[in-house]
């Protein structure tokens, strides 16, 4: 089916939802969010959610679609004695099949990110550890490892880390894991300067992203784009504090150029020659076609 035709059918289905059921945000009731076939329904009560799920399921069935209860999930948050709570008990059924409920410490993967009442289980540290071990064991040249690390492996975690809002401590711990693996691949001392890893390729570095700096910058850029959205409901979700240029370790990081400048200055002020001669290493690891996997 054509993507445009599919989206048009989904739009018709969600138009049948009861707009009196939803969640109040900024004086407006939000009933649903939809991205292709990934649909989120909001309600202030379990009964209200059941009503709209039934309405949506009926419309999907008319269009020849079928909801899969096993791939759906519910998240229930309530208030009791002035405190919020989540019982994590299933209450919704689709065509007689029970929809799983996300427990208070559990998560559900939505649009590439883990969401839930608490996000304690969505730290990607385990996935990064496993991935680095696989890169280390793979029969690759050092330049191929760095190419995969820089262009494919780390970027796949950006989206999750931006939405997760990890602490600086968490990002520093992830950076340490990545630095340690990279220095093992280079067979250099762990105490040697990290500026060589993080400096831009054209400045003589390896261009490995530092998550401590990269993630706050990406979040800032995403918030700036969203605030300009035509949809007023989207702009209402933006925390104005996120629009301020992030400051990490006393350095402002709002653009890619600012990151390049930070590591350029750092690489020129920190002496690396006492640890290792990196002059030709950067060219060998980042230049020419040999840096491509499979070469």
Protein backbone atom coordinates (compact mmCIF):
# COMPACT_ATOMS: atom_id res chain seq x y z
CA UNK A 1 0.00 0.00 0.00
CA UNK A 2 1.16 3.54 -0.73
CA UNK A 3 2.51 5.36 2.33
CA UNK A 4 0.30 8.36 1.59
CA UNK A 5 -2.79 6.18 1.16
CA UNK A 6 -1.97 4.32 4.38
CA UNK A 7 -1.62 7.58 6.34
CA UNK A 8 -4.89 8.87 4.87
CA UNK A 9 -6.70 5.72 6.06
CA UNK A 10 -5.22 6.04 9.57
CA UNK A 11 -6.28 9.71 9.65
CA UNK A 12 -9.84 8.70 8.82
CA UNK A 13 -9.81 6.08 11.58
CA UNK A 14 -8.62 8.42 14.33
CA UNK A 15 -11.20 11.04 13.33
CA UNK A 16 -13.87 8.69 14.72
CA UNK A 17 -12.44 8.85 18.24
CA UNK A 18 -14.47 10.48 21.01
CA UNK A 19 -12.80 13.91 21.37
CA UNK A 20 -14.32 14.38 24.82
CA UNK A 21 -11.97 11.66 26.03
CA UNK A 22 -8.34 12.66 26.43
CA UNK A 23 -5.80 14.51 28.55
CA UNK A 24 -5.92 18.25 29.24
CA UNK A 25 -2.76 20.06 28.18
CA UNK A 26 -2.55 23.84 28.12
CA UNK A 27 -6.31 24.23 28.00
CA UNK A 28 -6.70 21.76 25.13
CA UNK A 29 -7.73 18.13 25.31
CA UNK A 30 -5.27 15.75 23.61
CA UNK A 31 -7.01 12.56 22.45
CA UNK A 32 -4.28 10.81 20.47
CA UNK A 33 -0.85 10.96 18.85
CA UNK A 34 -0.16 9.09 15.63
CA UNK A 35 2.92 8.38 13.56
CA UNK A 36 2.02 5.99 10.72
CA UNK A 37 0.61 2.91 12.48
CA UNK A 38 2.11 3.80 15.89
CA UNK A 39 -0.86 5.31 17.71
CA UNK A 40 -1.05 6.53 21.31
CA UNK A 41 -4.45 7.14 22.93
CA UNK A 42 -4.90 9.33 26.02
CA UNK A 43 -7.68 9.23 28.59
CA UNK A 44 -8.27 10.46 32.12
CA UNK A 45 -9.85 7.14 33.09
CA UNK A 46 -9.47 3.49 32.21
CA UNK A 47 -13.11 3.40 31.12
CA UNK A 48 -12.55 6.28 28.72
CA UNK A 49 -9.53 4.59 27.19
CA UNK A 50 -11.50 1.40 26.66
CA UNK A 51 -14.19 3.37 24.80
CA UNK A 52 -11.74 4.96 22.35
CA UNK A 53 -9.81 1.74 21.83
CA UNK A 54 -13.04 0.02 20.83
CA UNK A 55 -13.94 2.88 18.46
CA UNK A 56 -10.50 2.83 16.85
CA UNK A 57 -10.47 -0.95 16.54
CA UNK A 58 -13.85 -0.91 14.78
CA UNK A 59 -12.63 1.65 12.25
CA UNK A 60 -9.40 -0.24 11.64
CA UNK A 61 -11.38 -3.42 11.02
CA UNK A 62 -13.55 -1.62 8.43
CA UNK A 63 -10.37 -0.57 6.62
CA UNK A 64 -9.08 -4.14 6.56
CA UNK A 65 -6.56 -3.68 9.38
CA UNK A 66 -6.26 -5.70 12.55
CA UNK A 67 -4.79 -4.56 15.86
CA UNK A 68 -2.26 -6.88 17.52
CA UNK A 69 -2.89 -6.84 21.31
CA UNK A 70 0.48 -8.51 21.94
CA UNK A 71 2.32 -5.53 20.47
CA UNK A 72 0.24 -2.98 22.37
CA UNK A 73 0.62 -1.82 25.97
CA UNK A 74 -1.09 0.36 28.56
CA UNK A 75 0.46 2.75 31.05
CA UNK A 76 -1.78 3.78 33.93
CA UNK A 77 -0.90 6.63 36.31
CA UNK A 78 -3.25 7.76 39.07
CA UNK A 79 -3.29 9.82 42.25
CA UNK A 80 -3.93 8.63 45.78
CA UNK A 81 -3.63 10.69 48.96
CA UNK A 82 -1.71 13.39 47.17
CA UNK A 83 0.79 10.98 45.59
CA UNK A 84 0.90 9.44 42.14
CA UNK A 85 0.96 5.69 41.65
CA UNK A 86 0.86 3.09 38.89
CA UNK A 87 -0.76 -0.26 39.60
CA UNK A 88 0.64 -1.96 36.48
CA UNK A 89 -2.42 -4.21 36.21
CA UNK A 90 -3.88 -5.12 32.79
CA UNK A 91 -7.37 -3.69 32.24
CA UNK A 92 -7.74 -3.38 28.47
CA UNK A 93 -8.84 -6.02 25.96
CA UNK A 94 -8.89 -5.96 22.15
CA UNK A 95 -11.19 -8.52 20.55
CA UNK A 96 -11.16 -10.48 23.80
CA UNK A 97 -7.34 -10.56 24.04
CA UNK A 98 -5.72 -8.90 27.04
CA UNK A 99 -3.35 -6.00 26.38
CA UNK A 100 -0.20 -6.12 28.56
CA UNK A 101 0.28 -3.38 31.13
CA UNK A 102 3.69 -1.74 31.63
CA UNK A 103 4.78 -2.16 35.29
CA UNK A 104 6.13 0.80 37.22
CA UNK A 105 9.75 -0.18 36.53
CA UNK A 106 9.10 -1.51 33.01
CA UNK A 107 9.32 0.19 29.64
CA UNK A 108 7.71 -0.03 26.21
CA UNK A 109 9.56 0.67 22.98
CA UNK A 110 7.84 3.44 21.00
CA UNK A 111 9.38 5.08 17.93
CA UNK A 112 12.82 3.80 18.80
CA UNK A 113 12.80 4.96 22.43
CA UNK A 114 11.89 3.29 25.71
CA UNK A 115 8.95 4.95 27.48
CA UNK A 116 7.36 4.16 30.81
CA UNK A 117 6.36 5.43 34.24
CA UNK A 118 10.02 5.36 35.22
CA UNK A 119 12.89 5.11 32.76
CA UNK A 120 15.28 3.17 34.99
CA UNK A 121 15.37 0.22 32.63
CA UNK A 122 16.19 2.17 29.46
CA UNK A 123 19.84 3.05 30.10
CA UNK A 124 21.67 1.89 26.93
CA UNK A 125 24.90 1.13 28.81
CA UNK A 126 24.42 -2.64 28.47
CA UNK A 127 23.78 -2.39 24.71
CA UNK A 128 26.83 -0.16 24.26
CA UNK A 129 28.99 -2.59 26.27
CA UNK A 130 27.86 -5.55 24.17
CA UNK A 131 28.32 -3.61 20.94
CA UNK A 132 31.85 -2.51 21.84
CA UNK A 133 32.78 -6.10 22.70
CA UNK A 134 31.53 -7.28 19.32
CA UNK A 135 33.47 -4.54 17.53
CA UNK A 136 36.59 -5.53 19.46
CA UNK A 137 36.23 -9.21 18.56
CA UNK A 138 35.35 -8.65 14.90
CA UNK A 139 38.17 -9.35 12.40
CA UNK A 140 38.46 -5.70 11.37
CA UNK A 141 41.27 -3.25 10.82
CA UNK A 142 41.47 -0.39 13.36
CA UNK A 143 40.31 2.14 10.74
CA UNK A 144 37.26 -0.02 10.02
CA UNK A 145 36.40 -0.22 13.72
CA UNK A 146 36.59 3.56 14.08
CA UNK A 147 34.51 4.09 10.94
CA UNK A 148 31.75 1.83 12.28
CA UNK A 149 31.98 3.39 15.75
CA UNK A 150 31.77 6.94 14.46
CA UNK A 151 29.30 6.59 11.60
CA UNK A 152 26.97 3.77 12.64
CA UNK A 153 27.32 2.39 16.16
CA UNK A 154 27.13 5.56 18.28
CA UNK A 155 24.57 7.45 16.12
CA UNK A 156 22.00 4.69 16.63
CA UNK A 157 21.87 5.60 20.35
CA UNK A 158 21.41 9.36 19.87
CA UNK A 159 17.62 9.29 19.62
CA UNK A 160 17.20 7.18 22.76
CA UNK A 161 19.70 9.24 24.79
CA UNK A 162 18.09 12.55 23.79
CA UNK A 163 14.66 11.37 24.97
CA UNK A 164 16.03 9.57 28.03
CA UNK A 165 17.53 12.80 29.46
CA UNK A 166 20.50 11.04 31.07
CA UNK A 167 22.54 12.79 33.74
CA UNK A 168 26.00 14.13 33.02
CA UNK A 169 27.36 11.35 35.22
CA UNK A 170 25.71 8.71 33.02
CA UNK A 171 27.06 10.27 29.83
CA UNK A 172 30.55 10.49 31.33
CA UNK A 173 30.39 6.79 32.23
CA UNK A 174 29.37 5.92 28.66
CA UNK A 175 32.19 8.08 27.28
CA UNK A 176 34.66 6.25 29.52
CA UNK A 177 33.52 2.89 28.12
CA UNK A 178 33.95 4.12 24.56
CA UNK A 179 37.33 5.76 25.23
CA UNK A 180 38.67 2.63 26.91
CA UNK A 181 37.71 0.45 23.96
CA UNK A 182 39.10 2.95 21.43
CA UNK A 183 42.44 3.17 23.21
CA UNK A 184 42.68 -0.60 23.33
CA UNK A 185 42.17 -0.70 19.57
CA UNK A 186 44.96 1.88 19.19
CA UNK A 187 47.19 0.03 21.67
CA UNK A 188 47.98 3.25 23.52
CA UNK A 189 48.04 4.07 27.24
CA UNK A 190 44.69 4.67 28.89
CA UNK A 191 46.18 7.82 30.45
CA UNK A 192 46.89 9.48 27.10
CA UNK A 193 44.95 12.57 26.07
CA UNK A 194 41.35 12.03 24.96
CA UNK A 195 41.44 15.16 22.78
CA UNK A 196 42.97 13.09 19.96
CA UNK A 197 39.87 10.84 19.92
CA UNK A 198 37.33 13.67 20.06
CA UNK A 199 39.02 16.28 17.84
CA UNK A 200 37.61 16.65 14.34
CA UNK A 201 39.26 14.66 11.57
CA UNK A 202 40.36 17.80 9.73
CA UNK A 203 42.04 18.95 12.95
CA UNK A 204 44.08 15.76 13.16
CA UNK A 205 41.75 13.81 15.45
CA UNK A 206 39.60 10.72 14.99
CA UNK A 207 36.23 12.48 15.21
CA UNK A 208 34.74 10.12 17.80
CA UNK A 209 31.70 11.82 19.37
CA UNK A 210 31.75 12.60 23.10
CA UNK A 211 28.25 11.82 24.38
CA UNK A 212 28.71 14.21 27.30
CA UNK A 213 28.77 17.08 24.79
CA UNK A 214 26.90 15.61 21.83
CA UNK A 215 23.62 14.63 23.53
CA UNK A 216 22.86 18.03 25.19
CA UNK A 217 23.60 19.71 21.84
CA UNK A 218 21.26 17.37 19.93
CA UNK A 219 18.49 17.89 22.48
CA UNK A 220 18.88 21.67 22.26
CA UNK A 221 18.71 21.57 18.46
CA UNK A 222 15.62 19.34 18.51
CA UNK A 223 13.80 21.62 20.95
CA UNK A 224 14.61 24.69 18.83
CA UNK A 225 13.11 22.98 15.77
CA UNK A 226 9.97 21.92 17.65
CA UNK A 227 9.29 25.38 19.06
CA UNK A 228 8.89 26.61 15.49
CA UNK A 229 6.33 23.94 14.63
CA UNK A 230 3.00 25.10 13.21
CA UNK A 231 1.14 22.79 15.61
CA UNK A 232 0.46 24.73 18.82
CA UNK A 233 0.07 21.49 20.78
CA UNK A 234 3.64 20.55 19.92
CA UNK A 235 5.03 23.90 21.05
CA UNK A 236 3.14 23.56 24.35
CA UNK A 237 5.19 20.49 25.19
CA UNK A 238 8.47 22.40 25.02
CA UNK A 239 10.13 23.36 28.27
CA UNK A 240 11.49 26.88 27.75
CA UNK A 241 14.59 25.91 29.74
CA UNK A 242 15.52 23.50 26.95
CA UNK A 243 15.82 26.40 24.51
CA UNK A 244 18.83 27.86 26.32
CA UNK A 245 22.15 26.80 24.81
CA UNK A 246 23.48 23.95 27.00
CA UNK A 247 26.63 24.53 29.01
CA UNK A 248 28.76 21.43 29.64
CA UNK A 249 31.85 21.68 31.83
CA UNK A 250 31.73 25.46 31.45
CA UNK A 251 31.56 25.28 27.64
CA UNK A 252 28.57 26.29 25.49
CA UNK A 253 27.64 23.56 23.00
CA UNK A 254 24.76 24.63 20.76
CA UNK A 255 26.12 23.71 17.30
CA UNK A 256 28.43 21.18 15.69
CA UNK A 257 30.92 23.97 15.02
CA UNK A 258 31.06 24.79 18.73
CA UNK A 259 31.97 21.16 19.47
CA UNK A 260 34.69 21.23 16.83
CA UNK A 261 36.14 24.40 18.37
CA UNK A 262 36.13 22.94 21.88
CA UNK A 263 38.16 19.90 20.89
CA UNK A 264 40.42 21.89 18.57
CA UNK A 265 41.42 24.11 21.47
CA UNK A 266 41.75 21.12 23.78
CA UNK A 267 43.95 19.20 21.34
CA UNK A 268 46.31 22.14 20.95
CA UNK A 269 46.65 22.79 24.68
CA UNK A 270 47.06 19.16 25.78
CA UNK A 271 50.36 17.57 24.85
CA UNK A 272 49.92 14.07 23.47
CA UNK A 273 53.47 13.55 22.20
CA UNK A 274 54.66 12.27 25.58
CA UNK A 275 52.16 9.40 25.31
CA UNK A 276 52.20 8.51 21.63
CA UNK A 277 52.93 10.01 18.23
CA UNK A 278 49.51 10.63 16.69
CA UNK A 279 50.60 12.73 13.72
CA UNK A 280 50.32 10.03 11.06
CA UNK A 281 47.86 7.81 12.92
CA UNK A 282 44.87 10.07 12.26
CA UNK A 283 45.55 10.04 8.52
CA UNK A 284 45.87 6.26 8.45
CA UNK A 285 42.70 5.70 10.49
CA UNK A 286 40.42 8.25 8.82
CA UNK A 287 41.77 8.91 5.34
CA UNK A 288 41.34 7.07 2.07
CA UNK A 289 39.09 4.21 1.02
CA UNK A 290 40.68 1.78 3.48
CA UNK A 291 38.51 3.22 6.25
CA UNK A 292 35.44 1.62 4.72
CA UNK A 293 34.24 -1.72 6.13
CA UNK A 294 35.13 -4.62 3.89
CA UNK A 295 38.26 -2.99 2.50
